[in-house]
Amino acid sequence: MSQAIDGRAEELLKEKNFVVISTLRQDGTIHATPAWIDIQDGCPVVNSAEGRAWPTNLKRDPRVTLTVQNLENPYEYVTIRGRVSEQTTVGADEHIDSLAKKYLGQDTYPYRQPGEQRVILRIEPEHVHVYGG
């Protein structure tokens, strides 16, 4: 069942805060990695490259936990548990450029690798909770 992201949770995702994406490896252990995050139509949206560990984990098991910590006040954060509702390459290059603008102030993503295929992952939030706010 989907839960709306609004109020302070939405603000934390819109601000220049990083997300820690936690997925399950094939052996059941947790893989956690920092990334950039966006929100579109009330859902968290992240961007990666095909072949990296966490998008591969999410193809096998779509369950994910996102933790977005306020850079200005590290005691305030939001956790979002949910499932990947879509993985697509359509618009992924433009999306990473918009994230580069948000996080780096640059018009284009400067770390693109030759032959890299970007992918957008949209998360359907099932549980959202803000702590320390």
N, C-alpha and C. Protein backbone atom coordinates (compact mmCIF):
# COMPACT_ATOMS: atom_id res chain seq x y z
N MET A 1 0.84 -1.18 0.00
CA MET A 1 0.00 0.00 0.00
C MET A 1 0.89 1.24 0.00
N SER A 2 0.61 2.13 -0.90
CA SER A 2 1.42 3.33 -1.07
C SER A 2 1.13 4.37 0.01
N GLN A 3 2.16 5.06 0.42
CA GLN A 3 2.03 6.14 1.39
C GLN A 3 2.58 7.42 0.75
N ALA A 4 1.88 8.50 0.94
CA ALA A 4 2.28 9.77 0.34
C ALA A 4 3.53 10.33 1.02
N ILE A 5 4.36 10.96 0.21
CA ILE A 5 5.49 11.71 0.74
C ILE A 5 5.12 13.17 0.64
N ASP A 6 4.96 13.79 1.81
CA ASP A 6 4.60 15.20 1.82
C ASP A 6 5.23 15.87 3.04
N GLY A 7 4.94 17.14 3.24
CA GLY A 7 5.43 17.86 4.40
C GLY A 7 6.95 17.84 4.48
N ARG A 8 7.45 17.62 5.68
CA ARG A 8 8.89 17.66 5.92
C ARG A 8 9.64 16.57 5.15
N ALA A 9 9.02 15.41 5.00
CA ALA A 9 9.65 14.33 4.23
C ALA A 9 9.92 14.79 2.80
N GLU A 10 8.95 15.42 2.19
CA GLU A 10 9.11 15.92 0.82
C GLU A 10 10.19 17.00 0.77
N GLU A 11 10.20 17.89 1.75
CA GLU A 11 11.22 18.94 1.79
C GLU A 11 12.63 18.35 1.86
N LEU A 12 12.82 17.32 2.68
CA LEU A 12 14.14 16.71 2.81
C LEU A 12 14.60 16.10 1.49
N LEU A 13 13.68 15.53 0.71
CA LEU A 13 14.04 14.97 -0.59
C LEU A 13 14.32 16.05 -1.62
N LYS A 14 13.64 17.17 -1.53
CA LYS A 14 13.84 18.26 -2.49
C LYS A 14 15.12 19.05 -2.22
N GLU A 15 15.56 19.06 -0.96
CA GLU A 15 16.77 19.78 -0.61
C GLU A 15 18.00 19.00 -1.08
N LYS A 16 19.17 19.58 -0.94
CA LYS A 16 20.42 19.01 -1.42
C LYS A 16 20.98 17.97 -0.43
N ASN A 17 20.12 17.05 0.00
CA ASN A 17 20.50 16.00 0.93
C ASN A 17 20.75 14.70 0.17
N PHE A 18 21.70 13.93 0.65
CA PHE A 18 22.00 12.64 0.03
C PHE A 18 21.07 11.57 0.60
N VAL A 19 20.93 10.51 -0.15
CA VAL A 19 20.15 9.36 0.28
C VAL A 19 21.11 8.18 0.45
N VAL A 20 20.84 7.34 1.43
CA VAL A 20 21.51 6.05 1.52
C VAL A 20 20.48 5.01 1.09
N ILE A 21 20.84 4.29 0.03
CA ILE A 21 19.95 3.28 -0.55
C ILE A 21 20.38 1.93 -0.02
N SER A 22 19.47 1.24 0.65
CA SER A 22 19.77 -0.08 1.22
C SER A 22 18.97 -1.14 0.46
N THR A 23 19.71 -2.11 -0.10
CA THR A 23 19.11 -3.20 -0.86
C THR A 23 19.62 -4.52 -0.29
N LEU A 24 19.05 -5.61 -0.78
CA LEU A 24 19.47 -6.94 -0.34
C LEU A 24 20.30 -7.62 -1.42
N ARG A 25 21.48 -8.07 -1.03
CA ARG A 25 22.31 -8.87 -1.93
C ARG A 25 21.69 -10.25 -2.07
N GLN A 26 22.18 -10.99 -3.04
CA GLN A 26 21.66 -12.33 -3.29
C GLN A 26 21.82 -13.24 -2.07
N ASP A 27 22.88 -13.01 -1.27
CA ASP A 27 23.10 -13.86 -0.08
C ASP A 27 22.32 -13.39 1.13
N GLY A 28 21.49 -12.34 0.96
CA GLY A 28 20.65 -11.84 2.05
C GLY A 28 21.27 -10.75 2.88
N THR A 29 22.55 -10.43 2.66
CA THR A 29 23.17 -9.34 3.40
C THR A 29 22.76 -8.01 2.79
N ILE A 30 22.93 -6.95 3.57
CA ILE A 30 22.49 -5.62 3.15
C ILE A 30 23.61 -4.90 2.41
N HIS A 31 23.24 -4.26 1.32
CA HIS A 31 24.15 -3.40 0.58
C HIS A 31 23.62 -1.98 0.73
N ALA A 32 24.43 -1.07 1.23
CA ALA A 32 24.01 0.33 1.42
C ALA A 32 24.99 1.25 0.71
N THR A 33 24.45 2.21 -0.03
CA THR A 33 25.30 3.12 -0.77
C THR A 33 24.67 4.51 -0.82
N PRO A 34 25.49 5.57 -0.73
CA PRO A 34 24.96 6.93 -0.84
C PRO A 34 24.71 7.28 -2.30
N ALA A 35 23.74 8.16 -2.52
CA ALA A 35 23.41 8.58 -3.87
C ALA A 35 22.67 9.91 -3.82
N TRP A 36 22.35 10.41 -5.00
CA TRP A 36 21.52 11.60 -5.13
C TRP A 36 20.07 11.16 -5.27
N ILE A 37 19.14 12.03 -4.88
CA ILE A 37 17.72 11.68 -4.92
C ILE A 37 16.89 12.85 -5.40
N ASP A 38 15.76 12.52 -5.94
CA ASP A 38 14.79 13.49 -6.46
C ASP A 38 13.41 12.98 -6.04
N ILE A 39 12.42 13.82 -6.18
CA ILE A 39 11.04 13.39 -5.95
C ILE A 39 10.21 13.85 -7.14
N GLN A 40 9.41 12.94 -7.68
CA GLN A 40 8.54 13.23 -8.82
C GLN A 40 7.18 12.59 -8.56
N ASP A 41 6.14 13.40 -8.65
CA ASP A 41 4.78 12.88 -8.44
C ASP A 41 4.63 12.14 -7.12
N GLY A 42 5.29 12.64 -6.07
CA GLY A 42 5.18 12.05 -4.74
C GLY A 42 6.00 10.80 -4.51
N CYS A 43 6.83 10.42 -5.49
CA CYS A 43 7.65 9.21 -5.34
C CYS A 43 9.13 9.55 -5.42
N PRO A 44 9.95 8.91 -4.59
CA PRO A 44 11.40 9.08 -4.70
C PRO A 44 11.90 8.54 -6.03
N VAL A 45 12.87 9.25 -6.60
CA VAL A 45 13.46 8.84 -7.87
C VAL A 45 14.98 8.92 -7.72
N VAL A 46 15.67 7.85 -8.09
CA VAL A 46 17.12 7.81 -8.04
C VAL A 46 17.64 7.41 -9.41
N ASN A 47 18.95 7.61 -9.61
CA ASN A 47 19.55 7.39 -10.92
C ASN A 47 20.87 6.67 -10.70
N SER A 48 21.14 5.69 -11.55
CA SER A 48 22.40 4.96 -11.46
C SER A 48 22.82 4.54 -12.86
N ALA A 49 23.80 3.67 -12.93
CA ALA A 49 24.25 3.11 -14.20
C ALA A 49 23.96 1.62 -14.19
N GLU A 50 23.57 1.10 -15.35
CA GLU A 50 23.34 -0.34 -15.50
C GLU A 50 24.60 -1.09 -15.07
N GLY A 51 24.40 -2.21 -14.39
CA GLY A 51 25.51 -3.05 -13.98
C GLY A 51 26.04 -2.79 -12.59
N ARG A 52 25.66 -1.67 -11.98
CA ARG A 52 26.10 -1.41 -10.61
C ARG A 52 25.34 -2.31 -9.66
N ALA A 53 25.91 -2.49 -8.45
CA ALA A 53 25.39 -3.48 -7.51
C ALA A 53 23.94 -3.21 -7.08
N TRP A 54 23.65 -2.00 -6.62
CA TRP A 54 22.33 -1.80 -6.04
C TRP A 54 21.21 -1.84 -7.07
N PRO A 55 21.35 -1.31 -8.30
CA PRO A 55 20.27 -1.51 -9.27
C PRO A 55 20.09 -2.98 -9.65
N THR A 56 21.21 -3.72 -9.69
CA THR A 56 21.13 -5.15 -9.97
C THR A 56 20.39 -5.87 -8.85
N ASN A 57 20.69 -5.52 -7.60
CA ASN A 57 19.96 -6.10 -6.47
C ASN A 57 18.47 -5.84 -6.59
N LEU A 58 18.12 -4.62 -7.01
CA LEU A 58 16.69 -4.25 -7.08
C LEU A 58 15.96 -4.91 -8.24
N LYS A 59 16.67 -5.34 -9.25
CA LYS A 59 16.03 -6.12 -10.33
C LYS A 59 15.59 -7.47 -9.79
N ARG A 60 16.42 -8.04 -8.91
CA ARG A 60 16.13 -9.35 -8.33
C ARG A 60 15.10 -9.26 -7.21
N ASP A 61 15.23 -8.22 -6.37
CA ASP A 61 14.33 -8.04 -5.22
C ASP A 61 14.04 -6.54 -5.13
N PRO A 62 12.83 -6.11 -5.46
CA PRO A 62 12.53 -4.68 -5.57
C PRO A 62 12.38 -3.94 -4.24
N ARG A 63 12.51 -4.64 -3.12
CA ARG A 63 12.38 -3.98 -1.82
C ARG A 63 13.59 -3.10 -1.54
N VAL A 64 13.33 -1.91 -0.99
CA VAL A 64 14.40 -0.95 -0.75
C VAL A 64 14.06 -0.09 0.46
N THR A 65 15.08 0.33 1.18
CA THR A 65 14.93 1.33 2.24
C THR A 65 15.82 2.51 1.88
N LEU A 66 15.23 3.70 1.94
CA LEU A 66 15.94 4.94 1.67
C LEU A 66 16.04 5.73 2.96
N THR A 67 17.20 6.27 3.24
CA THR A 67 17.38 7.15 4.40
C THR A 67 17.98 8.45 3.90
N VAL A 68 17.25 9.54 4.12
CA VAL A 68 17.70 10.87 3.70
C VAL A 68 17.92 11.69 4.95
N GLN A 69 19.19 12.03 5.19
CA GLN A 69 19.59 12.77 6.39
C GLN A 69 19.76 14.24 6.05
N ASN A 70 19.26 15.10 6.91
CA ASN A 70 19.39 16.54 6.73
C ASN A 70 20.86 16.93 6.93
N LEU A 71 21.48 17.46 5.88
CA LEU A 71 22.89 17.86 5.98
C LEU A 71 23.10 18.98 6.99
N GLU A 72 22.08 19.80 7.20
CA GLU A 72 22.19 20.93 8.13
C GLU A 72 21.98 20.50 9.59
N ASN A 73 21.23 19.41 9.79
CA ASN A 73 20.94 18.88 11.11
C ASN A 73 20.92 17.36 11.01
N PRO A 74 22.06 16.69 11.24
CA PRO A 74 22.14 15.25 11.01
C PRO A 74 21.25 14.41 11.93
N TYR A 75 20.63 15.05 12.94
CA TYR A 75 19.71 14.31 13.80
C TYR A 75 18.31 14.25 13.21
N GLU A 76 18.10 14.94 12.09
CA GLU A 76 16.81 14.90 11.40
C GLU A 76 16.96 14.10 10.12
N TYR A 77 16.08 13.13 9.93
CA TYR A 77 16.14 12.32 8.72
C TYR A 77 14.78 11.69 8.45
N VAL A 78 14.62 11.21 7.23
CA VAL A 78 13.42 10.49 6.86
C VAL A 78 13.83 9.11 6.36
N THR A 79 13.08 8.11 6.76
CA THR A 79 13.26 6.77 6.20
C THR A 79 12.03 6.44 5.37
N ILE A 80 12.30 5.82 4.25
CA ILE A 80 11.23 5.42 3.33
C ILE A 80 11.47 3.97 2.97
N ARG A 81 10.50 3.13 3.27
CA ARG A 81 10.55 1.74 2.84
C ARG A 81 9.57 1.60 1.68
N GLY A 82 9.99 0.88 0.67
CA GLY A 82 9.11 0.70 -0.47
C GLY A 82 9.66 -0.30 -1.45
N ARG A 83 9.14 -0.22 -2.66
CA ARG A 83 9.52 -1.13 -3.74
C ARG A 83 9.74 -0.34 -5.01
N VAL A 84 10.64 -0.81 -5.83
CA VAL A 84 10.85 -0.20 -7.13
C VAL A 84 9.60 -0.45 -7.97
N SER A 85 9.02 0.62 -8.47
CA SER A 85 7.85 0.48 -9.32
C SER A 85 8.21 0.56 -10.80
N GLU A 86 9.39 1.13 -11.09
CA GLU A 86 9.82 1.25 -12.48
C GLU A 86 11.33 1.42 -12.55
N GLN A 87 11.95 0.72 -13.49
CA GLN A 87 13.35 0.94 -13.86
C GLN A 87 13.33 1.22 -15.36
N THR A 88 13.85 2.38 -15.76
CA THR A 88 13.84 2.73 -17.17
C THR A 88 15.08 3.53 -17.55
N THR A 89 15.50 3.36 -18.78
CA THR A 89 16.59 4.16 -19.31
C THR A 89 16.05 5.41 -20.01
N VAL A 90 14.77 5.45 -20.28
CA VAL A 90 14.15 6.58 -20.97
C VAL A 90 14.25 7.83 -20.09
N GLY A 91 14.91 8.85 -20.59
CA GLY A 91 15.06 10.10 -19.86
C GLY A 91 16.13 10.08 -18.78
N ALA A 92 16.87 8.97 -18.67
CA ALA A 92 17.84 8.83 -17.58
C ALA A 92 19.02 9.79 -17.72
N ASP A 93 19.47 10.05 -18.93
CA ASP A 93 20.59 10.99 -19.12
C ASP A 93 20.17 12.40 -18.72
N GLU A 94 18.97 12.81 -19.11
CA GLU A 94 18.47 14.13 -18.73
C GLU A 94 18.27 14.22 -17.22
N HIS A 95 17.82 13.13 -16.62
CA HIS A 95 17.59 13.12 -15.18
C HIS A 95 18.89 13.26 -14.40
N ILE A 96 19.94 12.55 -14.82
CA ILE A 96 21.22 12.68 -14.09
C ILE A 96 21.78 14.08 -14.26
N ASP A 97 21.51 14.70 -15.41
CA ASP A 97 21.94 16.10 -15.60
C ASP A 97 21.20 17.02 -14.63
N SER A 98 19.90 16.78 -14.42
CA SER A 98 19.15 17.62 -13.48
C SER A 98 19.64 17.41 -12.05
N LEU A 99 20.04 16.19 -11.72
CA LEU A 99 20.60 15.93 -10.39
C LEU A 99 21.97 16.60 -10.24
N ALA A 100 22.76 16.61 -11.31
CA ALA A 100 24.05 17.30 -11.26
C ALA A 100 23.85 18.79 -11.02
N LYS A 101 22.80 19.35 -11.60
CA LYS A 101 22.48 20.77 -11.37
C LYS A 101 22.13 20.99 -9.90
N LYS A 102 21.31 20.10 -9.34
CA LYS A 102 20.88 20.22 -7.95
C LYS A 102 22.06 20.07 -6.98
N TYR A 103 22.89 19.06 -7.18
CA TYR A 103 23.93 18.73 -6.21
C TYR A 103 25.27 19.41 -6.48
N LEU A 104 25.59 19.68 -7.75
CA LEU A 104 26.90 20.23 -8.09
C LEU A 104 26.83 21.63 -8.68
N GLY A 105 25.62 22.07 -9.07
CA GLY A 105 25.48 23.36 -9.72
C GLY A 105 25.99 23.34 -11.16
N GLN A 106 26.10 22.14 -11.76
CA GLN A 106 26.58 21.99 -13.13
C GLN A 106 25.43 21.55 -14.04
N ASP A 107 25.46 22.03 -15.27
CA ASP A 107 24.38 21.72 -16.21
C ASP A 107 24.39 20.28 -16.70
N THR A 108 25.57 19.67 -16.74
CA THR A 108 25.67 18.28 -17.19
C THR A 108 26.45 17.46 -16.16
N TYR A 109 26.11 16.20 -16.08
CA TYR A 109 26.76 15.27 -15.17
C TYR A 109 28.21 15.06 -15.60
N PRO A 110 29.19 15.45 -14.77
CA PRO A 110 30.58 15.41 -15.21
C PRO A 110 31.27 14.05 -15.09
N TYR A 111 30.63 13.06 -14.50
CA TYR A 111 31.29 11.78 -14.25
C TYR A 111 30.83 10.67 -15.19
N ARG A 112 30.16 11.02 -16.27
CA ARG A 112 29.67 10.04 -17.23
C ARG A 112 30.86 9.26 -17.81
N GLN A 113 30.70 7.95 -17.90
CA GLN A 113 31.75 7.07 -18.43
C GLN A 113 31.40 6.63 -19.85
N PRO A 114 32.40 6.41 -20.70
CA PRO A 114 32.11 5.94 -22.06
C PRO A 114 31.31 4.64 -22.03
N GLY A 115 30.25 4.59 -22.81
CA GLY A 115 29.41 3.40 -22.91
C GLY A 115 28.45 3.20 -21.75
N GLU A 116 28.46 4.10 -20.78
CA GLU A 116 27.61 3.96 -19.60
C GLU A 116 26.14 4.15 -19.98
N GLN A 117 25.28 3.27 -19.50
CA GLN A 117 23.83 3.39 -19.71
C GLN A 117 23.19 3.76 -18.38
N ARG A 118 22.68 4.98 -18.31
CA ARG A 118 22.03 5.44 -17.08
C ARG A 118 20.64 4.82 -16.97
N VAL A 119 20.17 4.68 -15.73
CA VAL A 119 18.85 4.12 -15.46
C VAL A 119 18.19 4.90 -14.33
N ILE A 120 16.91 5.16 -14.50
CA ILE A 120 16.09 5.82 -13.47
C ILE A 120 15.33 4.73 -12.73
N LEU A 121 15.30 4.84 -11.39
CA LEU A 121 14.52 3.92 -10.58
C LEU A 121 13.51 4.73 -9.78
N ARG A 122 12.23 4.43 -9.98
CA ARG A 122 11.16 5.08 -9.24
C ARG A 122 10.71 4.14 -8.12
N ILE A 123 10.55 4.71 -6.92
CA ILE A 123 10.22 3.92 -5.74
C ILE A 123 8.78 4.23 -5.31
N GLU A 124 8.01 3.19 -5.10
CA GLU A 124 6.66 3.33 -4.56
C GLU A 124 6.79 3.25 -3.04
N PRO A 125 6.58 4.39 -2.33
CA PRO A 125 6.76 4.38 -0.87
C PRO A 125 5.63 3.64 -0.16
N GLU A 126 6.00 2.73 0.75
CA GLU A 126 5.03 1.99 1.54
C GLU A 126 5.00 2.43 3.00
N HIS A 127 6.12 3.00 3.45
CA HIS A 127 6.22 3.51 4.83
C HIS A 127 7.16 4.70 4.82
N VAL A 128 6.69 5.81 5.37
CA VAL A 128 7.48 7.05 5.41
C VAL A 128 7.44 7.57 6.85
N HIS A 129 8.63 7.87 7.41
CA HIS A 129 8.65 8.42 8.76
C HIS A 129 9.81 9.42 8.90
N VAL A 130 9.49 10.59 9.42
CA VAL A 130 10.51 11.62 9.68
C VAL A 130 10.88 11.54 11.16
N TYR A 131 12.18 11.56 11.41
CA TYR A 131 12.71 11.53 12.78
C TYR A 131 13.43 12.83 13.09
N GLY A 132 13.33 13.29 14.31
CA GLY A 132 14.10 14.44 14.76
C GLY A 132 13.69 15.78 14.23
N GLY A 133 12.56 15.85 13.58
CA GLY A 133 12.12 17.11 12.98
C GLY A 133 11.38 17.95 13.89
